[in-house]
Amino acid sequence: MQKTLKKYFPVFALPTVIAFAIAFVIPFLLGIYLSFTKFTTVTNSQWVGLNNYIRAFTEDHDFLNALIFTTKFTVVSVVLINVLAFVIALLLTRGIRGTNIFRTVFFMPNLIGGIVLGYIWQLIINGVLLNFGVDITFSSTYGFWGLVVLMNWQMVGYMMIIYVAGIQNISSDLMEAAEIDGASSWQVLKSVTIPMVMPSITICTFLTLTNSFKLFDQNFALSGGAPAKSSSMLALDIFSTFYGRNGYEGVGQAKAVVFFIMVALIALIQLRLTRSKEVEN
């Protein structure tokens, strides 16, 4: 059986490999090439070397502002989402009645699309801010905290499900041993629960980190980067550069390559750090 599978594996894998190459590998490599060119279409490009990358960091200050804004947003979102999700998961694994209903309710916001979610929260936040004579586009601070609230409302339930699975996977023998040794609730949480849930923490941190950096739909719908692009995140800034400024297609592509490298490096570092703290259950 194993010999048969190995023999025909290339045949069955070939369609998927071809589709992956057409949909991802080729466009990705072409995008890297275009980031070193001045172009209007794929077939109309002129090699300019590192000029697009230089322009992205010297001529376009919006990119650096978007980088700072995105970094701040990511740090706040990753911390809040994971802490809230973990706390809720702890509460829902204490044998409370109606636990399944609560899990469903908390998870439901994750099913709503980003654009729709952005417009819903725009209406809610503006409804509150208009009582003070302003709206969400009045200041980047409103846009920042609006995005934080939106992201938490959408992602906490999803992360909670992962934490619940991790907590339920903890061996009951460990918990009983800790109780017999006279460990307090805080000591059990610190020395047993958190170390045993580290695989879930690794997954949740990775998901919240990458999703926060790549956030586009919600940013576009909620504030659109207003006022004066001060609440634009990196993905929205790249989109605006590529599609909103003539002659800046190459610069937008260069920003996209930098964005990819940055997110990939940060994600890999995070995975390495959190996995090093994982222990066997």
Protein backbone atom coordinates (compact mmCIF):
# COMPACT_ATOMS: atom_id res chain seq x y z
CA MET A 1 0.00 0.00 0.00
CA GLN A 2 2.78 2.40 0.95
CA LYS A 3 4.66 1.64 -2.27
CA THR A 4 1.51 2.32 -4.31
CA LEU A 5 0.96 5.65 -2.54
CA LYS A 6 4.56 6.71 -3.13
CA LYS A 7 4.32 5.67 -6.77
CA TYR A 8 1.19 7.69 -7.55
CA PHE A 9 1.75 10.55 -5.11
CA PRO A 10 3.22 12.89 -7.79
CA VAL A 11 0.19 12.25 -10.00
CA PHE A 12 -2.31 13.28 -7.33
CA ALA A 13 -0.16 16.12 -5.99
CA LEU A 14 0.54 17.65 -9.41
CA PRO A 15 -2.82 19.52 -9.84
CA THR A 16 -2.45 21.11 -6.40
CA VAL A 17 1.19 22.04 -7.05
CA ILE A 18 0.27 23.62 -10.40
CA ALA A 19 -2.63 25.57 -8.84
CA PHE A 20 -0.38 26.74 -5.98
CA ALA A 21 2.30 27.86 -8.43
CA ILE A 22 -0.18 29.77 -10.61
CA ALA A 23 -2.09 31.38 -7.74
CA PHE A 24 0.79 32.11 -5.35
CA VAL A 25 4.38 31.37 -6.38
CA ILE A 26 4.38 33.04 -9.82
CA PRO A 27 2.50 36.21 -8.69
CA PHE A 28 4.74 36.43 -5.62
CA LEU A 29 7.96 36.24 -7.65
CA LEU A 30 6.54 38.62 -10.26
CA GLY A 31 5.62 41.05 -7.49
CA ILE A 32 9.18 41.02 -6.17
CA TYR A 33 10.50 41.73 -9.66
CA LEU A 34 8.02 44.58 -10.21
CA SER A 35 9.10 46.19 -6.94
CA PHE A 36 12.41 46.96 -8.66
CA THR A 37 10.75 48.51 -11.72
CA LYS A 38 8.68 51.49 -12.77
CA PHE A 39 5.56 50.10 -14.38
CA THR A 40 1.96 50.70 -15.32
CA THR A 41 1.21 47.14 -16.43
CA VAL A 42 3.03 43.84 -16.02
CA THR A 43 4.29 43.99 -19.61
CA ASN A 44 5.27 47.67 -19.43
CA SER A 45 8.05 47.89 -16.87
CA GLN A 46 11.41 49.62 -16.65
CA TRP A 47 14.14 48.49 -14.23
CA VAL A 48 14.95 51.16 -11.60
CA GLY A 49 16.76 49.07 -8.99
CA LEU A 50 16.29 50.10 -5.37
CA ASN A 51 14.74 53.45 -6.28
CA ASN A 52 11.21 52.36 -5.30
CA TYR A 53 12.39 51.21 -1.87
CA ILE A 54 14.27 54.47 -1.32
CA ARG A 55 11.22 56.50 -2.32
CA ALA A 56 9.00 54.45 0.00
CA PHE A 57 11.04 55.51 3.03
CA THR A 58 12.18 59.01 1.99
CA GLU A 59 9.46 60.60 -0.14
CA ASP A 60 6.42 58.96 1.42
CA HIS A 61 6.16 59.78 5.13
CA ASP A 62 2.71 58.16 5.23
CA PHE A 63 4.38 54.75 5.10
CA LEU A 64 6.42 55.36 8.26
CA ASN A 65 3.37 56.83 10.02
CA ALA A 66 1.35 53.76 9.02
CA LEU A 67 4.14 51.50 10.32
CA ILE A 68 4.13 53.24 13.71
CA PHE A 69 0.34 53.23 13.90
CA THR A 70 0.17 49.53 12.95
CA THR A 71 2.86 48.55 15.46
CA LYS A 72 1.07 50.32 18.31
CA PHE A 73 -2.26 48.80 17.31
CA THR A 74 -0.76 45.30 17.05
CA VAL A 75 0.88 45.44 20.49
CA VAL A 76 -2.32 46.62 22.19
CA SER A 77 -4.57 44.19 20.28
CA VAL A 78 -2.38 41.11 20.81
CA VAL A 79 -2.18 41.72 24.56
CA LEU A 80 -5.86 42.57 25.09
CA ILE A 81 -7.28 39.83 22.85
CA ASN A 82 -5.18 37.06 24.38
CA VAL A 83 -5.71 38.17 27.98
CA LEU A 84 -9.48 38.54 27.55
CA ALA A 85 -9.79 35.29 25.61
CA PHE A 86 -7.76 33.39 28.22
CA VAL A 87 -9.77 34.79 31.13
CA ILE A 88 -13.07 33.95 29.44
CA ALA A 89 -11.79 30.46 28.61
CA LEU A 90 -10.89 29.93 32.29
CA LEU A 91 -14.38 30.98 33.35
CA LEU A 92 -16.07 28.75 30.77
CA THR A 93 -14.11 25.69 31.88
CA ARG A 94 -15.27 25.95 35.50
CA GLY A 95 -18.47 23.97 34.95
CA ILE A 96 -20.76 27.00 34.63
CA ARG A 97 -24.29 26.22 33.40
CA GLY A 98 -24.95 27.24 29.79
CA THR A 99 -21.27 27.11 28.85
CA ASN A 100 -21.98 25.95 25.28
CA ILE A 101 -24.37 28.85 24.73
CA PHE A 102 -21.77 31.34 25.96
CA ARG A 103 -19.11 29.83 23.69
CA THR A 104 -21.41 30.15 20.69
CA VAL A 105 -22.31 33.75 21.50
CA PHE A 106 -18.67 34.78 21.96
CA PHE A 107 -17.62 33.04 18.73
CA MET A 108 -20.36 34.50 16.49
CA PRO A 109 -18.70 37.92 15.83
CA ASN A 110 -15.85 36.11 14.07
CA LEU A 111 -18.31 34.97 11.40
CA ILE A 112 -19.07 38.53 10.26
CA GLY A 113 -17.06 39.87 7.31
CA GLY A 114 -14.50 42.61 7.89
CA ILE A 115 -16.13 45.26 5.69
CA VAL A 116 -19.56 44.71 7.24
CA LEU A 117 -18.05 44.71 10.72
CA GLY A 118 -16.24 47.97 10.02
CA TYR A 119 -19.40 49.77 8.92
CA ILE A 120 -21.40 48.37 11.85
CA TRP A 121 -18.88 49.67 14.37
CA GLN A 122 -18.58 52.96 12.50
CA LEU A 123 -22.30 53.52 13.09
CA ILE A 124 -22.02 52.51 16.75
CA ILE A 125 -18.95 54.62 17.52
CA ASN A 126 -20.20 57.64 15.58
CA GLY A 127 -23.51 57.35 17.40
CA VAL A 128 -21.63 57.82 20.67
CA LEU A 129 -19.13 60.44 19.48
CA LEU A 130 -21.78 62.64 17.83
CA ASN A 131 -23.06 63.41 21.32
CA PHE A 132 -19.76 65.26 21.79
CA GLY A 133 -19.88 66.98 18.39
CA VAL A 134 -17.23 64.80 16.69
CA ASP A 135 -17.01 61.55 14.75
CA ILE A 136 -14.42 58.83 14.30
CA THR A 137 -12.59 60.80 11.59
CA PHE A 138 -12.00 63.75 13.93
CA SER A 139 -8.80 62.30 15.38
CA SER A 140 -6.54 59.32 14.76
CA THR A 141 -6.96 58.47 18.45
CA TYR A 142 -10.64 57.70 17.88
CA GLY A 143 -9.73 55.59 14.86
CA PHE A 144 -7.07 53.74 16.84
CA TRP A 145 -9.29 52.79 19.77
CA GLY A 146 -12.19 52.10 17.44
CA LEU A 147 -10.05 49.53 15.64
CA VAL A 148 -8.91 48.05 18.96
CA VAL A 149 -12.50 47.61 20.15
CA LEU A 150 -13.57 46.18 16.78
CA MET A 151 -10.66 43.73 16.63
CA ASN A 152 -11.25 42.56 20.20
CA TRP A 153 -14.97 42.09 19.59
CA GLN A 154 -14.25 40.02 16.49
CA MET A 155 -11.27 37.92 17.63
CA VAL A 156 -11.73 37.25 21.37
CA GLY A 157 -14.34 34.53 20.79
CA TYR A 158 -12.19 32.73 18.24
CA MET A 159 -9.13 32.76 20.49
CA MET A 160 -11.29 31.72 23.43
CA ILE A 161 -12.24 28.47 21.64
CA ILE A 162 -8.56 27.62 21.18
CA TYR A 163 -7.77 28.38 24.82
CA VAL A 164 -10.74 26.29 25.99
CA ALA A 165 -9.41 23.32 24.01
CA GLY A 166 -5.95 23.82 25.55
CA ILE A 167 -7.27 24.06 29.11
CA GLN A 168 -9.47 20.99 28.71
CA ASN A 169 -6.44 19.06 27.44
CA ILE A 170 -4.55 19.54 30.72
CA SER A 171 -4.13 16.26 32.55
CA SER A 172 -6.40 16.00 35.59
CA ASP A 173 -3.56 14.24 37.43
CA LEU A 174 -1.50 17.44 37.34
CA MET A 175 -4.34 19.51 38.78
CA GLU A 176 -4.98 16.94 41.51
CA ALA A 177 -1.28 16.78 42.38
CA ALA A 178 -1.16 20.56 42.70
CA GLU A 179 -4.20 20.56 44.98
CA ILE A 180 -2.72 17.80 47.15
CA ASP A 181 0.51 19.82 47.48
CA GLY A 182 -1.58 22.74 48.75
CA ALA A 183 -1.04 25.05 45.81
CA SER A 184 -3.22 28.16 45.72
CA SER A 185 -5.36 29.09 42.71
CA TRP A 186 -2.73 31.60 41.59
CA GLN A 187 0.06 29.05 41.92
CA VAL A 188 -1.93 26.49 39.92
CA LEU A 189 -2.57 29.07 37.22
CA LYS A 190 1.06 30.22 37.09
CA SER A 191 2.85 26.86 37.44
CA VAL A 192 0.41 24.41 35.84
CA THR A 193 -2.27 25.97 33.65
CA ILE A 194 -0.22 28.54 31.74
CA PRO A 195 2.77 26.22 31.01
CA MET A 196 0.40 23.46 29.84
CA VAL A 197 -1.54 25.88 27.62
CA MET A 198 1.59 27.27 25.91
CA PRO A 199 0.80 25.50 22.58
CA SER A 200 -2.54 27.34 22.53
CA ILE A 201 -0.79 30.59 23.46
CA THR A 202 1.61 30.05 20.54
CA ILE A 203 -1.27 29.59 18.09
CA CYS A 204 -3.37 32.46 19.43
CA THR A 205 -0.44 34.88 19.56
CA PHE A 206 0.51 33.98 16.00
CA LEU A 207 -3.04 34.46 14.71
CA THR A 208 -3.65 37.75 16.51
CA LEU A 209 -0.20 39.09 15.58
CA THR A 210 -0.49 38.36 11.87
CA ASN A 211 -4.15 39.38 11.64
CA SER A 212 -3.45 42.68 13.40
CA PHE A 213 -0.56 43.54 11.08
CA LYS A 214 -2.52 42.55 7.96
CA LEU A 215 -5.74 44.32 8.96
CA PHE A 216 -7.30 46.04 5.94
CA ASP A 217 -11.07 45.61 5.56
CA GLN A 218 -11.94 46.92 8.99
CA ASN A 219 -9.54 49.86 8.70
CA PHE A 220 -10.92 50.76 5.28
CA ALA A 221 -14.55 50.62 6.41
CA LEU A 222 -14.19 52.12 9.89
CA SER A 223 -12.13 55.26 9.27
CA GLY A 224 -10.62 54.98 5.79
CA GLY A 225 -7.36 56.28 7.27
CA ALA A 226 -8.91 59.66 8.18
CA PRO A 227 -8.03 62.26 9.19
CA ALA A 228 -5.29 62.87 6.59
CA LYS A 229 -4.21 59.19 6.56
CA SER A 230 -3.16 59.41 10.22
CA SER A 231 -5.18 56.29 11.07
CA SER A 232 -4.06 54.29 8.02
CA MET A 233 -2.53 50.91 8.72
CA LEU A 234 0.13 49.38 6.49
CA ALA A 235 -2.20 47.35 4.28
CA LEU A 236 -4.45 50.37 3.63
CA ASP A 237 -1.44 52.62 2.96
CA ILE A 238 -0.06 50.12 0.41
CA PHE A 239 -3.48 49.92 -1.26
CA SER A 240 -3.77 53.73 -1.40
CA THR A 241 -0.27 54.09 -2.81
CA PHE A 242 -0.71 51.45 -5.51
CA TYR A 243 -4.20 52.38 -6.67
CA GLY A 244 -4.50 56.01 -5.62
CA ARG A 245 -1.31 57.67 -6.91
CA ASN A 246 -0.22 57.75 -10.54
CA GLY A 247 3.39 56.72 -11.06
CA TYR A 248 3.63 55.12 -7.63
CA GLU A 249 2.76 51.56 -8.63
CA GLY A 250 6.37 50.45 -8.17
CA VAL A 251 6.58 52.20 -4.79
CA GLY A 252 3.39 50.47 -3.68
CA GLN A 253 4.82 47.14 -4.77
CA ALA A 254 8.06 47.84 -2.88
CA LYS A 255 6.03 48.63 0.24
CA ALA A 256 4.20 45.32 -0.18
CA VAL A 257 7.48 43.39 -0.31
CA VAL A 258 8.80 45.18 2.78
CA PHE A 259 5.48 44.50 4.51
CA PHE A 260 5.69 40.78 3.71
CA ILE A 261 9.28 40.45 4.94
CA MET A 262 8.52 42.35 8.13
CA VAL A 263 5.42 40.32 9.04
CA ALA A 264 7.16 37.04 8.19
CA LEU A 265 10.18 37.86 10.38
CA ILE A 266 8.08 39.02 13.33
CA ALA A 267 5.86 35.93 13.08
CA LEU A 268 8.85 33.58 12.92
CA ILE A 269 10.50 35.24 15.94
CA GLN A 270 7.25 35.02 17.90
CA LEU A 271 6.83 31.34 17.03
CA ARG A 272 10.40 30.58 18.07
CA LEU A 273 10.04 32.40 21.40
CA THR A 274 6.70 30.89 22.40
CA ARG A 275 7.52 27.36 21.23
CA SER A 276 10.68 27.38 23.33
CA LYS A 277 8.44 27.72 26.41
CA GLU A 278 6.15 24.83 25.53
CA VAL A 279 6.22 21.74 27.73
CA GLU A 280 4.80 18.26 27.16
CA ASN A 281 1.46 17.53 28.75
